[in-house]
Amino acid sequence: MSDDELSRTFAALADPTRRAILARLAEGEATVNELAEPFDMSLQAVSKHLKVLERAGLITRGRDAQWRPCRLETAPLETASAWIDRYRTHWSDRFDRLEREIRRVESGQEGHEHG
């Protein structure tokens, strides 16, 4: 995945309405009307959110002109998760080393205070 694709994924995920739409689609396909139901916004506003999700590759829409169900596409989420995991591992290692150093310093200080 290119940086631009990753940027589109994260930009799409930045909005709580779009995250809620993705959460709904994780349960199965849905029409625009079904996706719009829980939100206090127009169908046009929901459609704009869907276009952002579609441009990011997070959803696809069926080709049936009458129904056009939306479905979740997981590949961009998996790529974003892998990108995050790389840094989580890096920072986790650093935090583990920091924690060990803090414990070492604390144990040394305790020896000074009691001695």
PDB file of N, CA and C in Angstrom:
ATOM      1  N   MET A   1       0.857  -1.184   0.000  1.00  0.00           N
ATOM      2  CA  MET A   1       0.000   0.000   0.000  1.00  0.00           C
ATOM      3  C   MET A   1       0.893   1.233   0.000  1.00  0.00           C
ATOM      4  N   SER A   2       0.568   2.197  -0.833  1.00  0.00           N
ATOM      5  CA  SER A   2       1.359   3.421  -0.892  1.00  0.00           C
ATOM      6  C   SER A   2       0.982   4.341   0.263  1.00  0.00           C
ATOM      7  N   ASP A   3       1.840   5.334   0.488  1.00  0.00           N
ATOM      8  CA  ASP A   3       1.554   6.303   1.550  1.00  0.00           C
ATOM      9  C   ASP A   3       0.237   7.025   1.295  1.00  0.00           C
ATOM     10  N   ASP A   4      -0.058   7.312   0.008  1.00  0.00           N
ATOM     11  CA  ASP A   4      -1.324   7.989  -0.307  1.00  0.00           C
ATOM     12  C   ASP A   4      -2.520   7.132   0.075  1.00  0.00           C
ATOM     13  N   GLU A   5      -2.424   5.828  -0.202  1.00  0.00           N
ATOM     14  CA  GLU A   5      -3.520   4.930   0.166  1.00  0.00           C
ATOM     15  C   GLU A   5      -3.665   4.847   1.677  1.00  0.00           C
ATOM     16  N   LEU A   6      -2.547   4.779   2.379  1.00  0.00           N
ATOM     17  CA  LEU A   6      -2.577   4.744   3.833  1.00  0.00           C
ATOM     18  C   LEU A   6      -3.161   6.050   4.382  1.00  0.00           C
ATOM     19  N   SER A   7      -2.796   7.164   3.766  1.00  0.00           N
ATOM     20  CA  SER A   7      -3.348   8.466   4.180  1.00  0.00           C
ATOM     21  C   SER A   7      -4.855   8.500   3.979  1.00  0.00           C
ATOM     22  N   ARG A   8      -5.334   7.984   2.848  1.00  0.00           N
ATOM     23  CA  ARG A   8      -6.786   7.956   2.609  1.00  0.00           C
ATOM     24  C   ARG A   8      -7.483   7.062   3.628  1.00  0.00           C
ATOM     25  N   THR A   9      -6.854   5.944   3.975  1.00  0.00           N
ATOM     26  CA  THR A   9      -7.447   5.051   4.974  1.00  0.00           C
ATOM     27  C   THR A   9      -7.579   5.759   6.313  1.00  0.00           C
ATOM     28  N   PHE A  10      -6.479   6.365   6.773  1.00  0.00           N
ATOM     29  CA  PHE A  10      -6.526   7.039   8.071  1.00  0.00           C
ATOM     30  C   PHE A  10      -7.459   8.247   8.048  1.00  0.00           C
ATOM     31  N   ALA A  11      -7.487   8.982   6.947  1.00  0.00           N
ATOM     32  CA  ALA A  11      -8.405  10.133   6.841  1.00  0.00           C
ATOM     33  C   ALA A  11      -9.856   9.655   6.911  1.00  0.00           C
ATOM     34  N   ALA A  12     -10.155   8.550   6.242  1.00  0.00           N
ATOM     35  CA  ALA A  12     -11.520   8.017   6.271  1.00  0.00           C
ATOM     36  C   ALA A  12     -11.898   7.552   7.674  1.00  0.00           C
ATOM     37  N   LEU A  13     -10.933   6.935   8.371  1.00  0.00           N
ATOM     38  CA  LEU A  13     -11.196   6.429   9.721  1.00  0.00           C
ATOM     39  C   LEU A  13     -11.259   7.542  10.765  1.00  0.00           C
ATOM     40  N   ALA A  14     -10.826   8.739  10.414  1.00  0.00           N
ATOM     41  CA  ALA A  14     -10.785   9.844  11.381  1.00  0.00           C
ATOM     42  C   ALA A  14     -12.182  10.322  11.778  1.00  0.00           C
ATOM     43  N   ASP A  15     -13.176  10.037  10.970  1.00  0.00           N
ATOM     44  CA  ASP A  15     -14.529  10.532  11.237  1.00  0.00           C
ATOM     45  C   ASP A  15     -15.367   9.477  11.957  1.00  0.00           C
ATOM     46  N   PRO A  16     -16.001   9.842  13.082  1.00  0.00           N
ATOM     47  CA  PRO A  16     -16.787   8.859  13.849  1.00  0.00           C
ATOM     48  C   PRO A  16     -17.983   8.298  13.075  1.00  0.00           C
ATOM     49  N   THR A  17     -18.588   9.093  12.203  1.00  0.00           N
ATOM     50  CA  THR A  17     -19.716   8.589  11.406  1.00  0.00           C
ATOM     51  C   THR A  17     -19.232   7.494  10.469  1.00  0.00           C
ATOM     52  N   ARG A  18     -18.080   7.721   9.834  1.00  0.00           N
ATOM     53  CA  ARG A  18     -17.557   6.706   8.914  1.00  0.00           C
ATOM     54  C   ARG A  18     -17.148   5.443   9.669  1.00  0.00           C
ATOM     55  N   ARG A  19     -16.593   5.605  10.882  1.00  0.00           N
ATOM     56  CA  ARG A  19     -16.253   4.414  11.674  1.00  0.00           C
ATOM     57  C   ARG A  19     -17.518   3.650  12.041  1.00  0.00           C
ATOM     58  N   ALA A  20     -18.589   4.360  12.350  1.00  0.00           N
ATOM     59  CA  ALA A  20     -19.860   3.701  12.682  1.00  0.00           C
ATOM     60  C   ALA A  20     -20.419   2.970  11.458  1.00  0.00           C
ATOM     61  N   ILE A  21     -20.281   3.565  10.294  1.00  0.00           N
ATOM     62  CA  ILE A  21     -20.738   2.911   9.065  1.00  0.00           C
ATOM     63  C   ILE A  21     -19.940   1.629   8.843  1.00  0.00           C
ATOM     64  N   LEU A  22     -18.627   1.693   9.018  1.00  0.00           N
ATOM     65  CA  LEU A  22     -17.793   0.497   8.853  1.00  0.00           C
ATOM     66  C   LEU A  22     -18.173  -0.580   9.867  1.00  0.00           C
ATOM     67  N   ALA A  23     -18.453  -0.160  11.101  1.00  0.00           N
ATOM     68  CA  ALA A  23     -18.852  -1.125  12.133  1.00  0.00           C
ATOM     69  C   ALA A  23     -20.148  -1.818  11.715  1.00  0.00           C
ATOM     70  N   ARG A  24     -21.078  -1.063  11.164  1.00  0.00           N
ATOM     71  CA  ARG A  24     -22.339  -1.667  10.688  1.00  0.00           C
ATOM     72  C   ARG A  24     -22.071  -2.636   9.543  1.00  0.00           C
ATOM     73  N   LEU A  25     -21.196  -2.249   8.607  1.00  0.00           N
ATOM     74  CA  LEU A  25     -20.910  -3.110   7.467  1.00  0.00           C
ATOM     75  C   LEU A  25     -20.131  -4.360   7.868  1.00  0.00           C
ATOM     76  N   ALA A  26     -19.462  -4.318   9.004  1.00  0.00           N
ATOM     77  CA  ALA A  26     -18.769  -5.507   9.500  1.00  0.00           C
ATOM     78  C   ALA A  26     -19.774  -6.615   9.821  1.00  0.00           C
ATOM     79  N   GLU A  27     -21.031  -6.236  10.042  1.00  0.00           N
ATOM     80  CA  GLU A  27     -22.097  -7.204  10.315  1.00  0.00           C
ATOM     81  C   GLU A  27     -22.699  -7.775   9.046  1.00  0.00           C
ATOM     82  N   GLY A  28     -22.437  -7.121   7.898  1.00  0.00           N
ATOM     83  CA  GLY A  28     -22.983  -7.584   6.620  1.00  0.00           C
ATOM     84  C   GLY A  28     -23.326  -6.424   5.716  1.00  0.00           C
ATOM     85  N   GLU A  29     -23.645  -6.752   4.473  1.00  0.00           N
ATOM     86  CA  GLU A  29     -23.993  -5.731   3.480  1.00  0.00           C
ATOM     87  C   GLU A  29     -25.191  -4.916   3.935  1.00  0.00           C
ATOM     88  N   ALA A  30     -25.268  -3.679   3.430  1.00  0.00           N
ATOM     89  CA  ALA A  30     -26.395  -2.813   3.754  1.00  0.00           C
ATOM     90  C   ALA A  30     -26.582  -1.798   2.633  1.00  0.00           C
ATOM     91  N   THR A  31     -27.800  -1.336   2.479  1.00  0.00           N
ATOM     92  CA  THR A  31     -28.087  -0.281   1.506  1.00  0.00           C
ATOM     93  C   THR A  31     -27.782   1.071   2.140  1.00  0.00           C
ATOM     94  N   VAL A  32     -27.754   2.097   1.309  1.00  0.00           N
ATOM     95  CA  VAL A  32     -27.533   3.457   1.819  1.00  0.00           C
ATOM     96  C   VAL A  32     -28.616   3.815   2.823  1.00  0.00           C
ATOM     97  N   ASN A  33     -29.856   3.473   2.521  1.00  0.00           N
ATOM     98  CA  ASN A  33     -30.962   3.766   3.449  1.00  0.00           C
ATOM     99  C   ASN A  33     -30.760   3.077   4.791  1.00  0.00           C
ATOM    100  N   GLU A  34     -30.334   1.821   4.764  1.00  0.00           N
ATOM    101  CA  GLU A  34     -30.085   1.096   6.011  1.00  0.00           C
ATOM    102  C   GLU A  34     -28.925   1.709   6.783  1.00  0.00           C
ATOM    103  N   LEU A  35     -27.901   2.141   6.065  1.00  0.00           N
ATOM    104  CA  LEU A  35     -26.748   2.757   6.729  1.00  0.00           C
ATOM    105  C   LEU A  35     -27.105   4.119   7.311  1.00  0.00           C
ATOM    106  N   ALA A  36     -28.008   4.831   6.649  1.00  0.00           N
ATOM    107  CA  ALA A  36     -28.381   6.184   7.090  1.00  0.00           C
ATOM    108  C   ALA A  36     -29.312   6.168   8.303  1.00  0.00           C
ATOM    109  N   GLU A  37     -30.010   5.058   8.497  1.00  0.00           N
ATOM    110  CA  GLU A  37     -31.042   4.973   9.530  1.00  0.00           C
ATOM    111  C   GLU A  37     -30.634   5.501  10.907  1.00  0.00           C
ATOM    112  N   PRO A  38     -29.497   5.089  11.479  1.00  0.00           N
ATOM    113  CA  PRO A  38     -29.186   5.534  12.845  1.00  0.00           C
ATOM    114  C   PRO A  38     -28.685   6.983  12.950  1.00  0.00           C
ATOM    115  N   PHE A  39     -28.447   7.635  11.816  1.00  0.00           N
ATOM    116  CA  PHE A  39     -27.847   8.973  11.857  1.00  0.00           C
ATOM    117  C   PHE A  39     -28.877  10.058  11.627  1.00  0.00           C
ATOM    118  N   ASP A  40     -28.674  11.180  12.296  1.00  0.00           N
ATOM    119  CA  ASP A  40     -29.541  12.339  12.118  1.00  0.00           C
ATOM    120  C   ASP A  40     -28.923  13.225  11.037  1.00  0.00           C
ATOM    121  N   MET A  41     -28.914  12.694   9.794  1.00  0.00           N
ATOM    122  CA  MET A  41     -28.371  13.450   8.672  1.00  0.00           C
ATOM    123  C   MET A  41     -29.072  12.994   7.405  1.00  0.00           C
ATOM    124  N   SER A  42     -28.933  13.800   6.368  1.00  0.00           N
ATOM    125  CA  SER A  42     -29.592  13.496   5.102  1.00  0.00           C
ATOM    126  C   SER A  42     -28.925  12.310   4.411  1.00  0.00           C
ATOM    127  N   LEU A  43     -29.664  11.712   3.474  1.00  0.00           N
ATOM    128  CA  LEU A  43     -29.085  10.647   2.660  1.00  0.00           C
ATOM    129  C   LEU A  43     -27.890  11.172   1.866  1.00  0.00           C
ATOM    130  N   GLN A  44     -27.978  12.427   1.451  1.00  0.00           N
ATOM    131  CA  GLN A  44     -26.882  13.030   0.699  1.00  0.00           C
ATOM    132  C   GLN A  44     -25.614  13.094   1.561  1.00  0.00           C
ATOM    133  N   ALA A  45     -25.759  13.453   2.840  1.00  0.00           N
ATOM    134  CA  ALA A  45     -24.602  13.519   3.741  1.00  0.00           C
ATOM    135  C   ALA A  45     -24.008  12.126   3.949  1.00  0.00           C
ATOM    136  N   VAL A  46     -24.874  11.127   4.120  1.00  0.00           N
ATOM    137  CA  VAL A  46     -24.391   9.752   4.278  1.00  0.00           C
ATOM    138  C   VAL A  46     -23.686   9.306   2.993  1.00  0.00           C
ATOM    139  N   SER A  47     -24.246   9.666   1.849  1.00  0.00           N
ATOM    140  CA  SER A  47     -23.624   9.310   0.564  1.00  0.00           C
ATOM    141  C   SER A  47     -22.231   9.907   0.441  1.00  0.00           C
ATOM    142  N   LYS A  48     -22.043  11.118   0.942  1.00  0.00           N
ATOM    143  CA  LYS A  48     -20.709  11.733   0.912  1.00  0.00           C
ATOM    144  C   LYS A  48     -19.722  10.925   1.756  1.00  0.00           C
ATOM    145  N   HIS A  49     -20.171  10.472   2.923  1.00  0.00           N
ATOM    146  CA  HIS A  49     -19.321   9.633   3.766  1.00  0.00           C
ATOM    147  C   HIS A  49     -18.977   8.327   3.040  1.00  0.00           C
ATOM    148  N   LEU A  50     -19.966   7.761   2.361  1.00  0.00           N
ATOM    149  CA  LEU A  50     -19.735   6.514   1.629  1.00  0.00           C
ATOM    150  C   LEU A  50     -18.724   6.713   0.506  1.00  0.00           C
ATOM    151  N   LYS A  51     -18.771   7.870  -0.153  1.00  0.00           N
ATOM    152  CA  LYS A  51     -17.802   8.151  -1.221  1.00  0.00           C
ATOM    153  C   LYS A  51     -16.388   8.223  -0.669  1.00  0.00           C
ATOM    154  N   VAL A  52     -16.224   8.814   0.512  1.00  0.00           N
ATOM    155  CA  VAL A  52     -14.900   8.874   1.146  1.00  0.00           C
ATOM    156  C   VAL A  52     -14.416   7.454   1.452  1.00  0.00           C
ATOM    157  N   LEU A  53     -15.301   6.639   2.011  1.00  0.00           N
ATOM    158  CA  LEU A  53     -14.944   5.257   2.334  1.00  0.00           C
ATOM    159  C   LEU A  53     -14.622   4.457   1.069  1.00  0.00           C
ATOM    160  N   GLU A  54     -15.375   4.717   0.008  1.00  0.00           N
ATOM    161  CA  GLU A  54     -15.149   4.004  -1.252  1.00  0.00           C
ATOM    162  C   GLU A  54     -13.819   4.428  -1.880  1.00  0.00           C
ATOM    163  N   ARG A  55     -13.513   5.724  -1.870  1.00  0.00           N
ATOM    164  CA  ARG A  55     -12.225   6.209  -2.411  1.00  0.00           C
ATOM    165  C   ARG A  55     -11.048   5.627  -1.634  1.00  0.00           C
ATOM    166  N   ALA A  56     -11.242   5.403  -0.346  1.00  0.00           N
ATOM    167  CA  ALA A  56     -10.177   4.825   0.489  1.00  0.00           C
ATOM    168  C   ALA A  56     -10.096   3.308   0.308  1.00  0.00           C
ATOM    169  N   GLY A  57     -11.028   2.731  -0.446  1.00  0.00           N
ATOM    170  CA  GLY A  57     -11.026   1.291  -0.665  1.00  0.00           C
ATOM    171  C   GLY A  57     -11.590   0.491   0.498  1.00  0.00           C
ATOM    172  N   LEU A  58     -12.222   1.187   1.442  1.00  0.00           N
ATOM    173  CA  LEU A  58     -12.747   0.521   2.635  1.00  0.00           C
ATOM    174  C   LEU A  58     -14.108  -0.133   2.395  1.00  0.00           C
ATOM    175  N   ILE A  59     -14.815   0.326   1.370  1.00  0.00           N
ATOM    176  CA  ILE A  59     -16.088  -0.298   1.006  1.00  0.00           C
ATOM    177  C   ILE A  59     -16.164  -0.427  -0.510  1.00  0.00           C
ATOM    178  N   THR A  60     -17.011  -1.328  -0.943  1.00  0.00           N
ATOM    179  CA  THR A  60     -17.383  -1.418  -2.355  1.00  0.00           C
ATOM    180  C   THR A  60     -18.897  -1.424  -2.404  1.00  0.00           C
ATOM    181  N   ARG A  61     -19.416  -1.050  -3.561  1.00  0.00           N
ATOM    182  CA  ARG A  61     -20.865  -1.037  -3.742  1.00  0.00           C
ATOM    183  C   ARG A  61     -21.234  -2.030  -4.823  1.00  0.00           C
ATOM    184  N   GLY A  62     -22.319  -2.727  -4.579  1.00  0.00           N
ATOM    185  CA  GLY A  62     -22.805  -3.693  -5.556  1.00  0.00           C
ATOM    186  C   GLY A  62     -23.195  -3.005  -6.851  1.00  0.00           C
ATOM    187  N   ARG A  63     -23.298  -3.772  -7.908  1.00  0.00           N
ATOM    188  CA  ARG A  63     -23.589  -3.218  -9.230  1.00  0.00           C
ATOM    189  C   ARG A  63     -25.075  -3.213  -9.560  1.00  0.00           C
ATOM    190  N   ASP A  64     -25.880  -3.838  -8.733  1.00  0.00           N
ATOM    191  CA  ASP A  64     -27.325  -3.873  -8.961  1.00  0.00           C
ATOM    192  C   ASP A  64     -27.879  -2.460  -8.791  1.00  0.00           C
ATOM    193  N   ALA A  65     -28.330  -1.862  -9.866  1.00  0.00           N
ATOM    194  CA  ALA A  65     -28.779  -0.463  -9.839  1.00  0.00           C
ATOM    195  C   ALA A  65     -29.922  -0.230  -8.858  1.00  0.00           C
ATOM    196  N   GLN A  66     -30.755  -1.256  -8.660  1.00  0.00           N
ATOM    197  CA  GLN A  66     -31.898  -1.106  -7.756  1.00  0.00           C
ATOM    198  C   GLN A  66     -31.476  -1.110  -6.289  1.00  0.00           C
ATOM    199  N   TRP A  67     -30.480  -1.909  -5.952  1.00  0.00           N
ATOM    200  CA  TRP A  67     -30.170  -2.132  -4.537  1.00  0.00           C
ATOM    201  C   TRP A  67     -28.813  -1.578  -4.161  1.00  0.00           C
ATOM    202  N   ARG A  68     -27.782  -1.813  -4.946  1.00  0.00           N
ATOM    203  CA  ARG A  68     -26.418  -1.347  -4.721  1.00  0.00           C
ATOM    204  C   ARG A  68     -25.971  -1.463  -3.259  1.00  0.00           C
ATOM    205  N   PRO A  69     -25.911  -2.665  -2.741  1.00  0.00           N
ATOM    206  CA  PRO A  69     -25.482  -2.819  -1.347  1.00  0.00           C
ATOM    207  C   PRO A  69     -24.026  -2.405  -1.176  1.00  0.00           C
ATOM    208  N   CYS A  70     -23.717  -1.884  -0.013  1.00  0.00           N
ATOM    209  CA  CYS A  70     -22.337  -1.551   0.333  1.00  0.00           C
ATOM    210  C   CYS A  70     -21.775  -2.712   1.131  1.00  0.00           C
ATOM    211  N   ARG A  71     -20.502  -2.998   0.934  1.00  0.00           N
ATOM    212  CA  ARG A  71     -19.858  -4.059   1.716  1.00  0.00           C
ATOM    213  C   ARG A  71     -18.484  -3.595   2.154  1.00  0.00           C
ATOM    214  N   LEU A  72     -18.081  -4.076   3.305  1.00  0.00           N
ATOM    215  CA  LEU A  72     -16.790  -3.756   3.890  1.00  0.00           C
ATOM    216  C   LEU A  72     -15.677  -4.457   3.125  1.00  0.00           C
ATOM    217  N   GLU A  73     -14.591  -3.751   2.883  1.00  0.00           N
ATOM    218  CA  GLU A  73     -13.376  -4.325   2.297  1.00  0.00           C
ATOM    219  C   GLU A  73     -12.300  -4.241   3.368  1.00  0.00           C
ATOM    220  N   THR A  74     -11.759  -5.368   3.777  1.00  0.00           N
ATOM    221  CA  THR A  74     -10.865  -5.387   4.933  1.00  0.00           C
ATOM    222  C   THR A  74      -9.397  -5.147   4.602  1.00  0.00           C
ATOM    223  N   ALA A  75      -8.997  -5.290   3.352  1.00  0.00           N
ATOM    224  CA  ALA A  75      -7.568  -5.173   3.012  1.00  0.00           C
ATOM    225  C   ALA A  75      -6.952  -3.854   3.487  1.00  0.00           C
ATOM    226  N   PRO A  76      -7.585  -2.687   3.255  1.00  0.00           N
ATOM    227  CA  PRO A  76      -6.967  -1.450   3.741  1.00  0.00           C
ATOM    228  C   PRO A  76      -6.858  -1.400   5.267  1.00  0.00           C
ATOM    229  N   LEU A  77      -7.829  -1.977   5.965  1.00  0.00           N
ATOM    230  CA  LEU A  77      -7.772  -2.004   7.429  1.00  0.00           C
ATOM    231  C   LEU A  77      -6.635  -2.899   7.908  1.00  0.00           C
ATOM    232  N   GLU A  78      -6.443  -4.015   7.217  1.00  0.00           N
ATOM    233  CA  GLU A  78      -5.354  -4.922   7.582  1.00  0.00           C
ATOM    234  C   GLU A  78      -3.998  -4.260   7.354  1.00  0.00           C
ATOM    235  N   THR A  79      -3.878  -3.506   6.262  1.00  0.00           N
ATOM    236  CA  THR A  79      -2.629  -2.806   5.974  1.00  0.00           C
ATOM    237  C   THR A  79      -2.368  -1.726   7.018  1.00  0.00           C
ATOM    238  N   ALA A  80      -3.403  -0.966   7.368  1.00  0.00           N
ATOM    239  CA  ALA A  80      -3.251   0.075   8.391  1.00  0.00           C
ATOM    240  C   ALA A  80      -2.890  -0.551   9.735  1.00  0.00           C
ATOM    241  N   SER A  81      -3.508  -1.671  10.057  1.00  0.00           N
ATOM    242  CA  SER A  81      -3.210  -2.366  11.311  1.00  0.00           C
ATOM    243  C   SER A  81      -1.761  -2.842  11.335  1.00  0.00           C
ATOM    244  N   ALA A  82      -1.278  -3.364  10.213  1.00  0.00           N
ATOM    245  CA  ALA A  82       0.113  -3.824  10.140  1.00  0.00           C
ATOM    246  C   ALA A  82       1.071  -2.654  10.324  1.00  0.00           C
ATOM    247  N   TRP A  83       0.737  -1.515   9.744  1.00  0.00           N
ATOM    248  CA  TRP A  83       1.571  -0.318   9.875  1.00  0.00           C
ATOM    249  C   TRP A  83       1.632   0.109  11.345  1.00  0.00           C
ATOM    250  N   ILE A  84       0.483   0.114  12.015  1.00  0.00           N
ATOM    251  CA  ILE A  84       0.420   0.484  13.431  1.00  0.00           C
ATOM    252  C   ILE A  84       1.189  -0.523  14.279  1.00  0.00           C
ATOM    253  N   ASP A  85       1.028  -1.808  13.974  1.00  0.00           N
ATOM    254  CA  ASP A  85       1.703  -2.855  14.742  1.00  0.00           C
ATOM    255  C   ASP A  85       3.219  -2.712  14.714  1.00  0.00           C
ATOM    256  N   ARG A  86       3.767  -2.320  13.559  1.00  0.00           N
ATOM    257  CA  ARG A  86       5.217  -2.108  13.477  1.00  0.00           C
ATOM    258  C   ARG A  86       5.677  -1.104  14.522  1.00  0.00           C
ATOM    259  N   TYR A  87       4.940  -0.004  14.639  1.00  0.00           N
ATOM    260  CA  TYR A  87       5.319   1.037  15.590  1.00  0.00           C
ATOM    261  C   TYR A  87       4.960   0.667  17.018  1.00  0.00           C
ATOM    262  N   ARG A  88       3.881  -0.088  17.192  1.00  0.00           N
ATOM    263  CA  ARG A  88       3.505  -0.536  18.535  1.00  0.00           C
ATOM    264  C   ARG A  88       4.615  -1.423  19.095  1.00  0.00           C
ATOM    265  N   THR A  89       5.136  -2.324  18.284  1.00  0.00           N
ATOM    266  CA  THR A  89       6.224  -3.200  18.710  1.00  0.00           C
ATOM    267  C   THR A  89       7.458  -2.380  19.077  1.00  0.00           C
ATOM    268  N   HIS A  90       7.784  -1.412  18.233  1.00  0.00           N
ATOM    269  CA  HIS A  90       8.942  -0.548  18.473  1.00  0.00           C
ATOM    270  C   HIS A  90       8.790   0.198  19.802  1.00  0.00           C
ATOM    271  N   TRP A  91       7.629   0.818  20.010  1.00  0.00           N
ATOM    272  CA  TRP A  91       7.424   1.594  21.233  1.00  0.00           C
ATOM    273  C   TRP A  91       7.266   0.705  22.452  1.00  0.00           C
ATOM    274  N   SER A  92       6.675  -0.447  22.273  1.00  0.00           N
ATOM    275  CA  SER A  92       6.548  -1.381  23.386  1.00  0.00           C
ATOM    276  C   SER A  92       7.931  -1.800  23.888  1.00  0.00           C
ATOM    277  N   ASP A  93       8.837  -2.083  22.949  1.00  0.00           N
ATOM    278  CA  ASP A  93      10.210  -2.427  23.334  1.00  0.00           C
ATOM    279  C   ASP A  93      10.859  -1.283  24.100  1.00  0.00           C
ATOM    280  N   ARG A  94      10.653  -0.060  23.618  1.00  0.00           N
ATOM    281  CA  ARG A  94      11.239   1.104  24.306  1.00  0.00           C
ATOM    282  C   ARG A  94      10.650   1.284  25.694  1.00  0.00           C
ATOM    283  N   PHE A  95       9.340   1.113  25.818  1.00  0.00           N
ATOM    284  CA  PHE A  95       8.713   1.259  27.128  1.00  0.00           C
ATOM    285  C   PHE A  95       9.178   0.175  28.085  1.00  0.00           C
ATOM    286  N   ASP A  96       9.363  -1.040  27.570  1.00  0.00           N
ATOM    287  CA  ASP A  96       9.880  -2.122  28.419  1.00  0.00           C
ATOM    288  C   ASP A  96      11.275  -1.781  28.940  1.00  0.00           C
ATOM    289  N   ARG A  97      12.127  -1.267  28.062  1.00  0.00           N
ATOM    290  CA  ARG A  97      13.481  -0.883  28.489  1.00  0.00           C
ATOM    291  C   ARG A  97      13.429   0.255  29.499  1.00  0.00           C
ATOM    292  N   LEU A  98      12.543   1.225  29.262  1.00  0.00           N
ATOM    293  CA  LEU A  98      12.398   2.349  30.189  1.00  0.00           C
ATOM    294  C   LEU A  98      11.924   1.853  31.552  1.00  0.00           C
ATOM    295  N   GLU A  99      10.957   0.944  31.541  1.00  0.00           N
ATOM    296  CA  GLU A  99      10.449   0.398  32.801  1.00  0.00           C
ATOM    297  C   GLU A  99      11.562  -0.319  33.570  1.00  0.00           C
ATOM    298  N   ARG A 100      12.356  -1.112  32.865  1.00  0.00           N
ATOM    299  CA  ARG A 100      13.478  -1.802  33.524  1.00  0.00           C
ATOM    300  C   ARG A 100      14.466  -0.792  34.104  1.00  0.00           C
ATOM    301  N   GLU A 101      14.746   0.271  33.385  1.00  0.00           N
ATOM    302  CA  GLU A 101      15.685   1.293  33.855  1.00  0.00           C
ATOM    303  C   GLU A 101      15.122   2.012  35.085  1.00  0.00           C
ATOM    304  N   ILE A 102      13.834   2.319  35.064  1.00  0.00           N
ATOM    305  CA  ILE A 102      13.197   2.972  36.218  1.00  0.00           C
ATOM    306  C   ILE A 102      13.278   2.065  37.440  1.00  0.00           C
ATOM    307  N   ARG A 103      12.988   0.786  37.258  1.00  0.00           N
ATOM    308  CA  ARG A 103      13.066  -0.154  38.387  1.00  0.00           C
ATOM    309  C   ARG A 103      14.496  -0.245  38.914  1.00  0.00           C
ATOM    310  N   ARG A 104      15.470  -0.254  38.005  1.00  0.00           N
ATOM    311  CA  ARG A 104      16.868  -0.329  38.410  1.00  0.00           C
ATOM    312  C   ARG A 104      17.240   0.908  39.228  1.00  0.00           C
ATOM    313  N   VAL A 105      16.827   2.087  38.751  1.00  0.00           N
ATOM    314  CA  VAL A 105      17.131   3.333  39.455  1.00  0.00           C
ATOM    315  C   VAL A 105      16.418   3.361  40.804  1.00  0.00           C
ATOM    316  N   GLU A 106      15.131   2.953  40.818  1.00  0.00           N
ATOM    317  CA  GLU A 106      14.380   2.938  42.080  1.00  0.00           C
ATOM    318  C   GLU A 106      15.014   1.987  43.091  1.00  0.00           C
ATOM    319  N   SER A 107      15.424   0.831  42.639  1.00  0.00           N
ATOM    320  CA  SER A 107      16.022  -0.119  43.574  1.00  0.00           C
ATOM    321  C   SER A 107      17.356   0.426  44.099  1.00  0.00           C
ATOM    322  N   GLY A 108      18.085   1.137  43.275  1.00  0.00           N
ATOM    323  CA  GLY A 108      19.339   1.764  43.716  1.00  0.00           C
ATOM    324  C   GLY A 108      19.079   2.865  44.714  1.00  0.00           C
ATOM    325  N   GLN A 109      18.005   3.655  44.486  1.00  0.00           N
ATOM    326  CA  GLN A 109      17.663   4.749  45.409  1.00  0.00           C
ATOM    327  C   GLN A 109      17.186   4.205  46.742  1.00  0.00           C
ATOM    328  N   GLU A 110      16.419   3.113  46.673  1.00  0.00           N
ATOM    329  CA  GLU A 110      15.937   2.521  47.921  1.00  0.00           C
ATOM    330  C   GLU A 110      17.115   2.090  48.784  1.00  0.00           C
ATOM    331  N   GLY A 111      18.153   1.553  48.159  1.00  0.00           N
ATOM    332  CA  GLY A 111      19.349   1.163  48.894  1.00  0.00           C
ATOM    333  C   GLY A 111      19.987   2.349  49.556  1.00  0.00           C
ATOM    334  N   HIS A 112      19.985   3.536  48.885  1.00  0.00           N
ATOM    335  CA  HIS A 112      20.564   4.745  49.452  1.00  0.00           C
ATOM    336  C   HIS A 112      19.757   5.262  50.636  1.00  0.00           C
ATOM    337  N   GLU A 113      18.410   5.240  50.475  1.00  0.00           N
ATOM    338  CA  GLU A 113      17.558   5.774  51.536  1.00  0.00           C
ATOM    339  C   GLU A 113      17.614   4.930  52.794  1.00  0.00           C
ATOM    340  N   HIS A 114      17.759   3.622  52.660  1.00  0.00           N
ATOM    341  CA  HIS A 114      17.768   2.743  53.813  1.00  0.00           C
ATOM    342  C   HIS A 114      19.178   2.529  54.377  1.00  0.00           C
ATOM    343  N   GLY A 115      20.193   2.943  53.664  1.00  0.00           N
ATOM    344  CA  GLY A 115      21.549   2.636  54.076  1.00  0.00           C
ATOM    345  C   GLY A 115      22.155   3.739  54.803  1.00  0.00           C
TER     346      GLY A 115
END
